[in-house]
Amino acid sequence: MINSRVMFIAGHARLPQGMAAKSVFDTLTITAEVDTKYGVIIEASCTLATEHGREFIGQLLKGVSLKDGIDEPLKQLQQYYKGKAANALAAALNDLHLHYQQVAKNSK
């Protein structure tokens, strides 16, 4: 059953050359279930090649309020994620935030 208080959004970015996920995907995607009232990420995932990487990004983003902006999660991403996809993850997170802002603006 669909929860009307939750939206599903995605952000996309190009992957750099030499990434394992590049053989499967040309872009990296971050998806998130977001509480519509508070903008809080309930669950997040991404298309990194390893389950461990996907879980790490999910844990990093869980609980983040998109209403508060993404400066803090971008800092945490830069500080704790040291893989080759760091720039693509940051770009995908920026795209996800932009998409959230557009959806939130249109639903008022």
Protein backbone atom coordinates (compact mmCIF):
# COMPACT_ATOMS: atom_id res chain seq x y z
CA MET A 1 0.00 0.00 0.00
CA ILE A 2 1.29 3.46 -0.89
CA ASN A 3 1.84 5.92 1.94
CA SER A 4 0.60 9.34 0.80
CA ARG A 5 3.00 11.06 3.20
CA VAL A 6 6.05 9.68 1.37
CA MET A 7 7.43 10.60 -2.04
CA PHE A 8 10.01 8.72 -4.08
CA ILE A 9 12.59 10.87 -5.86
CA ALA A 10 15.86 10.34 -7.70
CA GLY A 11 18.99 12.26 -8.58
CA HIS A 12 21.36 11.34 -11.41
CA ALA A 13 24.98 12.02 -12.38
CA ARG A 14 27.52 10.65 -14.86
CA LEU A 15 29.98 8.07 -13.57
CA PRO A 16 33.72 8.58 -14.09
CA GLN A 17 35.72 6.25 -16.33
CA GLY A 18 37.21 3.19 -14.65
CA MET A 19 34.36 2.56 -12.21
CA ALA A 20 33.04 -0.98 -11.71
CA ALA A 21 29.45 0.29 -11.96
CA LYS A 22 30.31 1.99 -15.30
CA SER A 23 30.18 -1.42 -17.01
CA VAL A 24 26.52 -1.71 -15.98
CA PHE A 25 25.36 1.92 -15.79
CA ASP A 26 26.50 5.13 -17.47
CA THR A 27 24.99 7.19 -14.70
CA LEU A 28 24.90 6.96 -10.96
CA THR A 29 21.48 7.33 -9.38
CA ILE A 30 20.55 8.11 -5.79
CA THR A 31 16.96 7.28 -4.92
CA ALA A 32 15.18 8.30 -1.75
CA GLU A 33 11.89 7.90 0.05
CA VAL A 34 11.18 11.31 1.56
CA ASP A 35 8.61 12.36 4.14
CA THR A 36 6.47 15.00 2.39
CA LYS A 37 5.78 17.07 5.51
CA TYR A 38 9.31 17.44 6.89
CA GLY A 39 11.46 16.57 3.87
CA VAL A 40 13.31 13.89 5.84
CA ILE A 41 14.93 11.02 3.96
CA ILE A 42 13.41 7.83 5.34
CA GLU A 43 15.39 5.45 3.13
CA ALA A 44 17.98 5.98 0.40
CA SER A 45 19.94 3.86 -2.03
CA CYS A 46 22.18 4.31 -5.03
CA THR A 47 23.57 2.39 -7.99
CA LEU A 48 27.10 1.86 -6.70
CA ALA A 49 28.41 -1.57 -7.71
CA THR A 50 28.73 -3.03 -4.22
CA GLU A 51 26.02 -3.67 -1.67
CA HIS A 52 28.36 -2.33 0.99
CA GLY A 53 28.69 1.00 -0.88
CA ARG A 54 24.94 1.24 -1.38
CA GLU A 55 24.32 0.59 2.32
CA PHE A 56 26.94 3.18 3.31
CA ILE A 57 25.27 5.89 1.23
CA GLY A 58 21.85 4.85 2.56
CA GLN A 59 23.08 5.21 6.15
CA LEU A 60 24.75 8.53 5.38
CA LEU A 61 21.54 10.03 3.97
CA LYS A 62 18.96 8.48 6.30
CA GLY A 63 17.43 11.14 8.54
CA VAL A 64 18.66 14.10 6.47
CA SER A 65 16.03 16.82 6.02
CA LEU A 66 16.10 18.11 2.46
CA LYS A 67 14.27 21.19 3.73
CA ASP A 68 17.47 22.11 5.58
CA GLY A 69 19.56 21.90 2.42
CA ILE A 70 22.33 19.45 1.62
CA ASP A 71 25.48 21.25 2.73
CA GLU A 72 25.92 18.97 5.74
CA PRO A 73 25.39 15.63 3.92
CA LEU A 74 27.73 16.86 1.14
CA LYS A 75 30.39 17.59 3.80
CA GLN A 76 29.87 14.14 5.32
CA LEU A 77 30.09 12.53 1.89
CA GLN A 78 33.36 14.34 1.20
CA GLN A 79 34.73 13.48 4.64
CA TYR A 80 33.80 9.79 4.82
CA TYR A 81 33.43 8.47 1.26
CA LYS A 82 36.84 7.99 -0.37
CA GLY A 83 35.80 6.02 -3.46
CA LYS A 84 36.14 7.03 -7.11
CA ALA A 85 32.45 7.94 -7.34
CA ALA A 86 32.66 10.80 -4.80
CA ASN A 87 32.08 13.56 -7.36
CA ALA A 88 29.29 11.61 -9.07
CA LEU A 89 27.60 10.97 -5.70
CA ALA A 90 27.81 14.67 -4.83
CA ALA A 91 26.36 15.63 -8.24
CA ALA A 92 23.56 13.05 -7.88
CA LEU A 93 22.76 14.34 -4.38
CA ASN A 94 22.60 17.89 -5.72
CA ASP A 95 20.29 16.69 -8.49
CA LEU A 96 18.10 14.83 -5.97
CA HIS A 97 17.84 17.99 -3.85
CA LEU A 98 16.94 20.08 -6.89
CA HIS A 99 14.25 17.56 -7.83
CA TYR A 100 12.92 17.63 -4.25
CA GLN A 101 12.71 21.44 -4.32
CA GLN A 102 10.81 21.36 -7.63
CA VAL A 103 8.35 18.75 -6.38
CA ALA A 104 7.85 20.51 -3.03
CA LYS A 105 7.26 23.85 -4.76
CA ASN A 106 4.68 22.33 -7.15
CA SER A 107 2.76 20.56 -4.38
CA LYS A 108 2.04 23.76 -2.42
